[in-house]
């Protein structure tokens, strides 16, 4: 396979070789492919998680979190905490 770099890419690779960051042009291609593979794996994982979340919502197993629902949840947690604290304070020791 033959790869053609743009003028800027050639300069970038040449600079990396001169600085010791890379030994050969091929190393630049290998590193680029490695990063691309990692990005694509991450992308696939994110898409799978989104699909799983959508399926969960479709089955009624989850809920969509909005800023409003977060405030409601925080308020519910506070109320439960206050109720638990009040119950503990009323319990004789």
PDB file of N, CA and C in Angstrom:
ATOM      1  N   UNK A   1       0.857  -1.172   0.000  1.00  0.00           N
ATOM      2  CA  UNK A   1       0.000   0.000   0.000  1.00  0.00           C
ATOM      3  C   UNK A   1       0.902   1.234   0.000  1.00  0.00           C
ATOM      4  N   UNK A   2       0.508   2.198  -0.749  1.00  0.00           N
ATOM      5  CA  UNK A   2       1.281   3.432  -0.808  1.00  0.00           C
ATOM      6  C   UNK A   2       0.442   4.565  -0.248  1.00  0.00           C
ATOM      7  N   UNK A   3       1.059   5.376   0.592  1.00  0.00           N
ATOM      8  CA  UNK A   3       0.367   6.490   1.232  1.00  0.00           C
ATOM      9  C   UNK A   3       1.016   7.786   0.773  1.00  0.00           C
ATOM     10  N   UNK A   4       0.204   8.727   0.349  1.00  0.00           N
ATOM     11  CA  UNK A   4       0.699  10.032  -0.084  1.00  0.00           C
ATOM     12  C   UNK A   4       0.357  11.066   0.995  1.00  0.00           C
ATOM     13  N   UNK A   5       1.385  11.684   1.550  1.00  0.00           N
ATOM     14  CA  UNK A   5       1.182  12.739   2.544  1.00  0.00           C
ATOM     15  C   UNK A   5       1.013  14.082   1.850  1.00  0.00           C
ATOM     16  N   UNK A   6       0.277  14.982   2.478  1.00  0.00           N
ATOM     17  CA  UNK A   6       0.242  16.362   2.001  1.00  0.00           C
ATOM     18  C   UNK A   6       1.572  17.019   2.385  1.00  0.00           C
ATOM     19  N   UNK A   7       1.822  18.186   1.851  1.00  0.00           N
ATOM     20  CA  UNK A   7       3.061  18.898   2.170  1.00  0.00           C
ATOM     21  C   UNK A   7       3.165  19.151   3.682  1.00  0.00           C
ATOM     22  N   UNK A   8       2.059  19.574   4.296  1.00  0.00           N
ATOM     23  CA  UNK A   8       2.063  19.833   5.743  1.00  0.00           C
ATOM     24  C   UNK A   8       2.292  18.547   6.537  1.00  0.00           C
ATOM     25  N   UNK A   9       1.678  17.463   6.096  1.00  0.00           N
ATOM     26  CA  UNK A   9       1.862  16.184   6.781  1.00  0.00           C
ATOM     27  C   UNK A   9       3.310  15.719   6.685  1.00  0.00           C
ATOM     28  N   UNK A  10       3.920  15.897   5.500  1.00  0.00           N
ATOM     29  CA  UNK A  10       5.327  15.526   5.331  1.00  0.00           C
ATOM     30  C   UNK A  10       6.211  16.313   6.282  1.00  0.00           C
ATOM     31  N   UNK A  11       5.951  17.600   6.386  1.00  0.00           N
ATOM     32  CA  UNK A  11       6.738  18.441   7.298  1.00  0.00           C
ATOM     33  C   UNK A  11       6.527  18.014   8.743  1.00  0.00           C
ATOM     34  N   UNK A  12       5.311  17.694   9.078  1.00  0.00           N
ATOM     35  CA  UNK A  12       4.981  17.254  10.437  1.00  0.00           C
ATOM     36  C   UNK A  12       5.714  15.952  10.775  1.00  0.00           C
ATOM     37  N   UNK A  13       5.681  15.006   9.855  1.00  0.00           N
ATOM     38  CA  UNK A  13       6.352  13.721  10.069  1.00  0.00           C
ATOM     39  C   UNK A  13       7.864  13.923  10.112  1.00  0.00           C
ATOM     40  N   UNK A  14       8.371  14.728   9.209  1.00  0.00           N
ATOM     41  CA  UNK A  14       9.813  14.991   9.176  1.00  0.00           C
ATOM     42  C   UNK A  14      10.276  15.601  10.504  1.00  0.00           C
ATOM     43  N   UNK A  15       9.482  16.528  11.030  1.00  0.00           N
ATOM     44  CA  UNK A  15       9.804  17.151  12.316  1.00  0.00           C
ATOM     45  C   UNK A  15       9.802  16.109  13.442  1.00  0.00           C
ATOM     46  N   UNK A  16       8.858  15.202  13.413  1.00  0.00           N
ATOM     47  CA  UNK A  16       8.791  14.149  14.428  1.00  0.00           C
ATOM     48  C   UNK A  16      10.002  13.225  14.331  1.00  0.00           C
ATOM     49  N   UNK A  17      10.450  12.949  13.136  1.00  0.00           N
ATOM     50  CA  UNK A  17      11.627  12.096  12.939  1.00  0.00           C
ATOM     51  C   UNK A  17      12.883  12.826  13.417  1.00  0.00           C
ATOM     52  N   UNK A  18      13.014  14.099  13.035  1.00  0.00           N
ATOM     53  CA  UNK A  18      14.189  14.877  13.430  1.00  0.00           C
ATOM     54  C   UNK A  18      14.286  15.061  14.943  1.00  0.00           C
ATOM     55  N   UNK A  19      13.127  15.150  15.606  1.00  0.00           N
ATOM     56  CA  UNK A  19      13.125  15.337  17.065  1.00  0.00           C
ATOM     57  C   UNK A  19      13.310  14.014  17.812  1.00  0.00           C
ATOM     58  N   UNK A  20      13.266  12.903  17.074  1.00  0.00           N
ATOM     59  CA  UNK A  20      13.408  11.601  17.714  1.00  0.00           C
ATOM     60  C   UNK A  20      12.096  10.988  18.161  1.00  0.00           C
ATOM     61  N   UNK A  21      11.027  11.668  17.921  1.00  0.00           N
ATOM     62  CA  UNK A  21       9.697  11.153  18.312  1.00  0.00           C
ATOM     63  C   UNK A  21       9.356   9.908  17.497  1.00  0.00           C
ATOM     64  N   UNK A  22       9.719   9.917  16.221  1.00  0.00           N
ATOM     65  CA  UNK A  22       9.513   8.767  15.340  1.00  0.00           C
ATOM     66  C   UNK A  22      10.840   8.422  14.690  1.00  0.00           C
ATOM     67  N   UNK A  23      10.956   7.160  14.250  1.00  0.00           N
ATOM     68  CA  UNK A  23      12.178   6.750  13.550  1.00  0.00           C
ATOM     69  C   UNK A  23      12.012   6.770  12.043  1.00  0.00           C
ATOM     70  N   UNK A  24      10.772   6.440  11.574  1.00  0.00           N
ATOM     71  CA  UNK A  24      10.534   6.326  10.141  1.00  0.00           C
ATOM     72  C   UNK A  24       9.146   6.863   9.818  1.00  0.00           C
ATOM     73  N   UNK A  25       8.909   7.160   8.554  1.00  0.00           N
ATOM     74  CA  UNK A  25       7.581   7.608   8.113  1.00  0.00           C
ATOM     75  C   UNK A  25       6.525   6.553   8.409  1.00  0.00           C
ATOM     76  N   UNK A  26       6.913   5.296   8.263  1.00  0.00           N
ATOM     77  CA  UNK A  26       5.977   4.196   8.513  1.00  0.00           C
ATOM     78  C   UNK A  26       5.458   4.215   9.947  1.00  0.00           C
ATOM     79  N   UNK A  27       6.296   4.668  10.878  1.00  0.00           N
ATOM     80  CA  UNK A  27       5.864   4.754  12.273  1.00  0.00           C
ATOM     81  C   UNK A  27       4.709   5.744  12.439  1.00  0.00           C
ATOM     82  N   UNK A  28       4.740   6.814  11.658  1.00  0.00           N
ATOM     83  CA  UNK A  28       3.659   7.801  11.702  1.00  0.00           C
ATOM     84  C   UNK A  28       2.347   7.165  11.236  1.00  0.00           C
ATOM     85  N   UNK A  29       2.435   6.388  10.173  1.00  0.00           N
ATOM     86  CA  UNK A  29       1.233   5.729   9.649  1.00  0.00           C
ATOM     87  C   UNK A  29       0.713   4.709  10.652  1.00  0.00           C
ATOM     88  N   UNK A  30       1.605   3.927  11.242  1.00  0.00           N
ATOM     89  CA  UNK A  30       1.188   2.931  12.233  1.00  0.00           C
ATOM     90  C   UNK A  30       0.521   3.596  13.431  1.00  0.00           C
ATOM     91  N   UNK A  31       1.104   4.685  13.903  1.00  0.00           N
ATOM     92  CA  UNK A  31       0.515   5.385  15.045  1.00  0.00           C
ATOM     93  C   UNK A  31      -0.847   5.967  14.693  1.00  0.00           C
ATOM     94  N   UNK A  32      -0.951   6.539  13.497  1.00  0.00           N
ATOM     95  CA  UNK A  32      -2.230   7.097  13.062  1.00  0.00           C
ATOM     96  C   UNK A  32      -3.299   6.011  12.991  1.00  0.00           C
ATOM     97  N   UNK A  33      -2.943   4.852  12.446  1.00  0.00           N
ATOM     98  CA  UNK A  33      -3.906   3.750  12.353  1.00  0.00           C
ATOM     99  C   UNK A  33      -4.298   3.235  13.733  1.00  0.00           C
ATOM    100  N   UNK A  34      -3.329   3.176  14.626  1.00  0.00           N
ATOM    101  CA  UNK A  34      -3.607   2.727  15.988  1.00  0.00           C
ATOM    102  C   UNK A  34      -4.602   3.662  16.674  1.00  0.00           C
ATOM    103  N   UNK A  35      -4.379   4.963  16.534  1.00  0.00           N
ATOM    104  CA  UNK A  35      -5.301   5.937  17.120  1.00  0.00           C
ATOM    105  C   UNK A  35      -6.681   5.864  16.476  1.00  0.00           C
ATOM    106  N   UNK A  36      -6.718   5.650  15.162  1.00  0.00           N
ATOM    107  CA  UNK A  36      -7.992   5.516  14.458  1.00  0.00           C
ATOM    108  C   UNK A  36      -8.742   4.292  14.958  1.00  0.00           C
ATOM    109  N   UNK A  37      -8.041   3.164  15.095  1.00  0.00           N
ATOM    110  CA  UNK A  37      -8.680   1.942  15.603  1.00  0.00           C
ATOM    111  C   UNK A  37      -9.251   2.167  16.992  1.00  0.00           C
ATOM    112  N   UNK A  38      -8.479   2.828  17.860  1.00  0.00           N
ATOM    113  CA  UNK A  38      -8.946   3.096  19.221  1.00  0.00           C
ATOM    114  C   UNK A  38     -10.190   3.980  19.195  1.00  0.00           C
ATOM    115  N   UNK A  39     -10.166   5.007  18.343  1.00  0.00           N
ATOM    116  CA  UNK A  39     -11.323   5.895  18.230  1.00  0.00           C
ATOM    117  C   UNK A  39     -12.552   5.142  17.739  1.00  0.00           C
ATOM    118  N   UNK A  40     -12.368   4.260  16.767  1.00  0.00           N
ATOM    119  CA  UNK A  40     -13.492   3.496  16.236  1.00  0.00           C
ATOM    120  C   UNK A  40     -14.042   2.500  17.253  1.00  0.00           C
ATOM    121  N   UNK A  41     -13.157   1.891  18.049  1.00  0.00           N
ATOM    122  CA  UNK A  41     -13.622   0.991  19.109  1.00  0.00           C
ATOM    123  C   UNK A  41     -14.448   1.762  20.136  1.00  0.00           C
ATOM    124  N   UNK A  42     -13.953   2.938  20.528  1.00  0.00           N
ATOM    125  CA  UNK A  42     -14.682   3.777  21.480  1.00  0.00           C
ATOM    126  C   UNK A  42     -16.030   4.189  20.902  1.00  0.00           C
ATOM    127  N   UNK A  43     -16.042   4.550  19.627  1.00  0.00           N
ATOM    128  CA  UNK A  43     -17.288   4.936  18.950  1.00  0.00           C
ATOM    129  C   UNK A  43     -18.284   3.788  18.965  1.00  0.00           C
ATOM    130  N   UNK A  44     -17.812   2.580  18.672  1.00  0.00           N
ATOM    131  CA  UNK A  44     -18.691   1.408  18.669  1.00  0.00           C
ATOM    132  C   UNK A  44     -19.247   1.137  20.070  1.00  0.00           C
ATOM    133  N   UNK A  45     -18.405   1.314  21.089  1.00  0.00           N
ATOM    134  CA  UNK A  45     -18.862   1.106  22.470  1.00  0.00           C
ATOM    135  C   UNK A  45     -19.927   2.125  22.846  1.00  0.00           C
ATOM    136  N   UNK A  46     -19.725   3.373  22.436  1.00  0.00           N
ATOM    137  CA  UNK A  46     -20.708   4.419  22.733  1.00  0.00           C
ATOM    138  C   UNK A  46     -22.023   4.130  22.018  1.00  0.00           C
ATOM    139  N   UNK A  47     -21.954   3.743  20.754  1.00  0.00           N
ATOM    140  CA  UNK A  47     -23.180   3.424  20.011  1.00  0.00           C
ATOM    141  C   UNK A  47     -23.909   2.234  20.634  1.00  0.00           C
ATOM    142  N   UNK A  48     -23.163   1.230  21.084  1.00  0.00           N
ATOM    143  CA  UNK A  48     -23.787   0.073  21.744  1.00  0.00           C
ATOM    144  C   UNK A  48     -24.466   0.504  23.037  1.00  0.00           C
ATOM    145  N   UNK A  49     -23.817   1.387  23.790  1.00  0.00           N
ATOM    146  CA  UNK A  49     -24.414   1.865  25.042  1.00  0.00           C
ATOM    147  C   UNK A  49     -25.678   2.677  24.765  1.00  0.00           C
ATOM    148  N   UNK A  50     -25.659   3.481  23.722  1.00  0.00           N
ATOM    149  CA  UNK A  50     -26.844   4.262  23.354  1.00  0.00           C
ATOM    150  C   UNK A  50     -27.975   3.327  22.941  1.00  0.00           C
ATOM    151  N   UNK A  51     -27.661   2.324  22.141  1.00  0.00           N
ATOM    152  CA  UNK A  51     -28.684   1.355  21.735  1.00  0.00           C
ATOM    153  C   UNK A  51     -29.265   0.637  22.938  1.00  0.00           C
ATOM    154  N   UNK A  52     -28.406   0.259  23.874  1.00  0.00           N
ATOM    155  CA  UNK A  52     -28.867  -0.429  25.083  1.00  0.00           C
ATOM    156  C   UNK A  52     -29.761   0.496  25.911  1.00  0.00           C
ATOM    157  N   UNK A  53     -29.370   1.753  26.029  1.00  0.00           N
ATOM    158  CA  UNK A  53     -30.175   2.714  26.785  1.00  0.00           C
ATOM    159  C   UNK A  53     -31.531   2.936  26.119  1.00  0.00           C
ATOM    160  N   UNK A  54     -31.526   3.043  24.795  1.00  0.00           N
ATOM    161  CA  UNK A  54     -32.794   3.229  24.076  1.00  0.00           C
ATOM    162  C   UNK A  54     -33.702   2.022  24.256  1.00  0.00           C
ATOM    163  N   UNK A  55     -33.138   0.825  24.214  1.00  0.00           N
ATOM    164  CA  UNK A  55     -33.932  -0.389  24.414  1.00  0.00           C
ATOM    165  C   UNK A  55     -34.490  -0.426  25.831  1.00  0.00           C
ATOM    166  N   UNK A  56     -33.681  -0.014  26.793  1.00  0.00           N
ATOM    167  CA  UNK A  56     -34.120   0.023  28.186  1.00  0.00           C
ATOM    168  C   UNK A  56     -35.276   0.999  28.364  1.00  0.00           C
ATOM    169  N   UNK A  57     -35.164   2.163  27.739  1.00  0.00           N
ATOM    170  CA  UNK A  57     -36.245   3.147  27.818  1.00  0.00           C
ATOM    171  C   UNK A  57     -37.507   2.628  27.140  1.00  0.00           C
ATOM    172  N   UNK A  58     -37.336   1.958  26.011  1.00  0.00           N
ATOM    173  CA  UNK A  58     -38.490   1.417  25.286  1.00  0.00           C
ATOM    174  C   UNK A  58     -39.232   0.380  26.116  1.00  0.00           C
ATOM    175  N   UNK A  59     -38.505  -0.334  26.967  1.00  0.00           N
ATOM    176  CA  UNK A  59     -39.118  -1.348  27.834  1.00  0.00           C
ATOM    177  C   UNK A  59     -39.632  -0.754  29.136  1.00  0.00           C
ATOM    178  N   UNK A  60     -39.448   0.546  29.317  1.00  0.00           N
ATOM    179  CA  UNK A  60     -39.904   1.198  30.545  1.00  0.00           C
ATOM    180  C   UNK A  60     -38.980   0.959  31.725  1.00  0.00           C
ATOM    181  N   UNK A  61     -37.751   0.540  31.461  1.00  0.00           N
ATOM    182  CA  UNK A  61     -36.817   0.230  32.541  1.00  0.00           C
ATOM    183  C   UNK A  61     -35.989   1.432  32.995  1.00  0.00           C
ATOM    184  N   UNK A  62     -36.027   2.490  32.285  1.00  0.00           N
ATOM    185  CA  UNK A  62     -35.194   3.631  32.626  1.00  0.00           C
ATOM    186  C   UNK A  62     -35.979   4.909  32.516  1.00  0.00           C
ATOM    187  N   UNK A  63     -35.248   5.994  32.679  1.00  0.00           N
ATOM    188  CA  UNK A  63     -35.888   7.287  32.500  1.00  0.00           C
ATOM    189  C   UNK A  63     -34.874   8.257  31.924  1.00  0.00           C
ATOM    190  N   UNK A  64     -35.399   9.238  31.250  1.00  0.00           N
ATOM    191  CA  UNK A  64     -34.550  10.261  30.659  1.00  0.00           C
ATOM    192  C   UNK A  64     -34.281  11.308  31.728  1.00  0.00           C
ATOM    193  N   UNK A  65     -33.023  11.620  31.918  1.00  0.00           N
ATOM    194  CA  UNK A  65     -32.637  12.577  32.941  1.00  0.00           C
ATOM    195  C   UNK A  65     -32.530  13.954  32.309  1.00  0.00           C
ATOM    196  N   UNK A  66     -33.290  14.868  32.886  1.00  0.00           N
ATOM    197  CA  UNK A  66     -33.244  16.260  32.457  1.00  0.00           C
ATOM    198  C   UNK A  66     -32.810  17.094  33.658  1.00  0.00           C
ATOM    199  N   UNK A  67     -32.573  18.345  33.436  1.00  0.00           N
ATOM    200  CA  UNK A  67     -32.197  19.218  34.537  1.00  0.00           C
ATOM    201  C   UNK A  67     -33.324  19.255  35.579  1.00  0.00           C
ATOM    202  N   UNK A  68     -34.552  19.293  35.108  1.00  0.00           N
ATOM    203  CA  UNK A  68     -35.701  19.313  36.014  1.00  0.00           C
ATOM    204  C   UNK A  68     -35.789  18.011  36.814  1.00  0.00           C
ATOM    205  N   UNK A  69     -35.613  16.875  36.152  1.00  0.00           N
ATOM    206  CA  UNK A  69     -35.704  15.603  36.870  1.00  0.00           C
ATOM    207  C   UNK A  69     -34.565  15.460  37.880  1.00  0.00           C
ATOM    208  N   UNK A  70     -33.394  16.036  37.582  1.00  0.00           N
ATOM    209  CA  UNK A  70     -32.282  16.001  38.535  1.00  0.00           C
ATOM    210  C   UNK A  70     -32.624  16.804  39.783  1.00  0.00           C
ATOM    211  N   UNK A  71     -33.261  17.963  39.604  1.00  0.00           N
ATOM    212  CA  UNK A  71     -33.676  18.778  40.749  1.00  0.00           C
ATOM    213  C   UNK A  71     -34.717  18.026  41.577  1.00  0.00           C
ATOM    214  N   UNK A  72     -35.654  17.370  40.903  1.00  0.00           N
ATOM    215  CA  UNK A  72     -36.676  16.590  41.608  1.00  0.00           C
ATOM    216  C   UNK A  72     -36.038  15.448  42.394  1.00  0.00           C
ATOM    217  N   UNK A  73     -35.110  14.749  41.785  1.00  0.00           N
ATOM    218  CA  UNK A  73     -34.430  13.660  42.463  1.00  0.00           C
ATOM    219  C   UNK A  73     -33.661  14.172  43.668  1.00  0.00           C
ATOM    220  N   UNK A  74     -32.961  15.285  43.507  1.00  0.00           N
ATOM    221  CA  UNK A  74     -32.212  15.868  44.625  1.00  0.00           C
ATOM    222  C   UNK A  74     -33.153  16.233  45.764  1.00  0.00           C
ATOM    223  N   UNK A  75     -34.304  16.787  45.437  1.00  0.00           N
ATOM    224  CA  UNK A  75     -35.279  17.150  46.468  1.00  0.00           C
ATOM    225  C   UNK A  75     -35.817  15.906  47.185  1.00  0.00           C
ATOM    226  N   UNK A  76     -36.086  14.838  46.443  1.00  0.00           N
ATOM    227  CA  UNK A  76     -36.549  13.585  47.052  1.00  0.00           C
ATOM    228  C   UNK A  76     -35.495  13.022  48.003  1.00  0.00           C
ATOM    229  N   UNK A  77     -34.251  13.064  47.597  1.00  0.00           N
ATOM    230  CA  UNK A  77     -33.168  12.554  48.446  1.00  0.00           C
ATOM    231  C   UNK A  77     -33.076  13.389  49.720  1.00  0.00           C
ATOM    232  N   UNK A  78     -33.171  14.705  49.584  1.00  0.00           N
ATOM    233  CA  UNK A  78     -33.137  15.580  50.771  1.00  0.00           C
ATOM    234  C   UNK A  78     -34.280  15.253  51.719  1.00  0.00           C
ATOM    235  N   UNK A  79     -35.479  15.083  51.164  1.00  0.00           N
ATOM    236  CA  UNK A  79     -36.646  14.794  52.004  1.00  0.00           C
ATOM    237  C   UNK A  79     -36.477  13.468  52.737  1.00  0.00           C
ATOM    238  N   UNK A  80     -35.986  12.435  52.030  1.00  0.00           N
ATOM    239  CA  UNK A  80     -35.763  11.137  52.689  1.00  0.00           C
ATOM    240  C   UNK A  80     -34.698  11.258  53.774  1.00  0.00           C
ATOM    241  N   UNK A  81     -33.662  12.010  53.503  1.00  0.00           N
ATOM    242  CA  UNK A  81     -32.599  12.211  54.493  1.00  0.00           C
ATOM    243  C   UNK A  81     -33.107  12.937  55.722  1.00  0.00           C
ATOM    244  N   UNK A  82     -33.911  13.974  55.506  1.00  0.00           N
ATOM    245  CA  UNK A  82     -34.476  14.725  56.633  1.00  0.00           C
ATOM    246  C   UNK A  82     -35.425  13.845  57.444  1.00  0.00           C
ATOM    247  N   UNK A  83     -36.226  13.024  56.760  1.00  0.00           N
ATOM    248  CA  UNK A  83     -37.148  12.127  57.457  1.00  0.00           C
ATOM    249  C   UNK A  83     -36.372  11.105  58.285  1.00  0.00           C
ATOM    250  N   UNK A  84     -35.311  10.554  57.725  1.00  0.00           N
ATOM    251  CA  UNK A  84     -34.496   9.581  58.445  1.00  0.00           C
ATOM    252  C   UNK A  84     -33.828  10.229  59.659  1.00  0.00           C
ATOM    253  N   UNK A  85     -33.320  11.436  59.490  1.00  0.00           N
ATOM    254  CA  UNK A  85     -32.685  12.166  60.594  1.00  0.00           C
ATOM    255  C   UNK A  85     -33.684  12.466  61.704  1.00  0.00           C
ATOM    256  N   UNK A  86     -34.893  12.893  61.299  1.00  0.00           N
ATOM    257  CA  UNK A  86     -35.934  13.184  62.295  1.00  0.00           C
ATOM    258  C   UNK A  86     -36.312  11.917  63.035  1.00  0.00           C
ATOM    259  N   UNK A  87     -36.419  10.793  62.348  1.00  0.00           N
ATOM    260  CA  UNK A  87     -36.767   9.519  63.000  1.00  0.00           C
ATOM    261  C   UNK A  87     -35.666   9.099  63.975  1.00  0.00           C
ATOM    262  N   UNK A  88     -34.429   9.293  63.609  1.00  0.00           N
ATOM    263  CA  UNK A  88     -33.325   8.932  64.500  1.00  0.00           C
ATOM    264  C   UNK A  88     -33.286   9.810  65.739  1.00  0.00           C
ATOM    265  N   UNK A  89     -33.652  11.085  65.574  1.00  0.00           N
ATOM    266  CA  UNK A  89     -33.652  12.002  66.709  1.00  0.00           C
ATOM    267  C   UNK A  89     -34.786  11.690  67.672  1.00  0.00           C
ATOM    268  N   UNK A  90     -35.868  11.092  67.201  1.00  0.00           N
ATOM    269  CA  UNK A  90     -37.016  10.761  68.039  1.00  0.00           C
ATOM    270  C   UNK A  90     -36.828   9.414  68.743  1.00  0.00           C
ATOM    271  N   UNK A  91     -35.949   8.592  68.258  1.00  0.00           N
ATOM    272  CA  UNK A  91     -35.716   7.268  68.832  1.00  0.00           C
ATOM    273  C   UNK A  91     -34.891   7.430  70.096  1.00  0.00           C
ATOM    274  N   UNK A  92     -35.413   6.907  71.258  1.00  0.00           N
ATOM    275  CA  UNK A  92     -34.639   7.020  72.506  1.00  0.00           C
ATOM    276  C   UNK A  92     -33.380   6.145  72.445  1.00  0.00           C
ATOM    277  N   UNK A  93     -32.351   6.633  73.097  1.00  0.00           N
ATOM    278  CA  UNK A  93     -31.086   5.897  73.089  1.00  0.00           C
ATOM    279  C   UNK A  93     -30.806   5.265  74.394  1.00  0.00           C
TER     280      UNK A  93
END
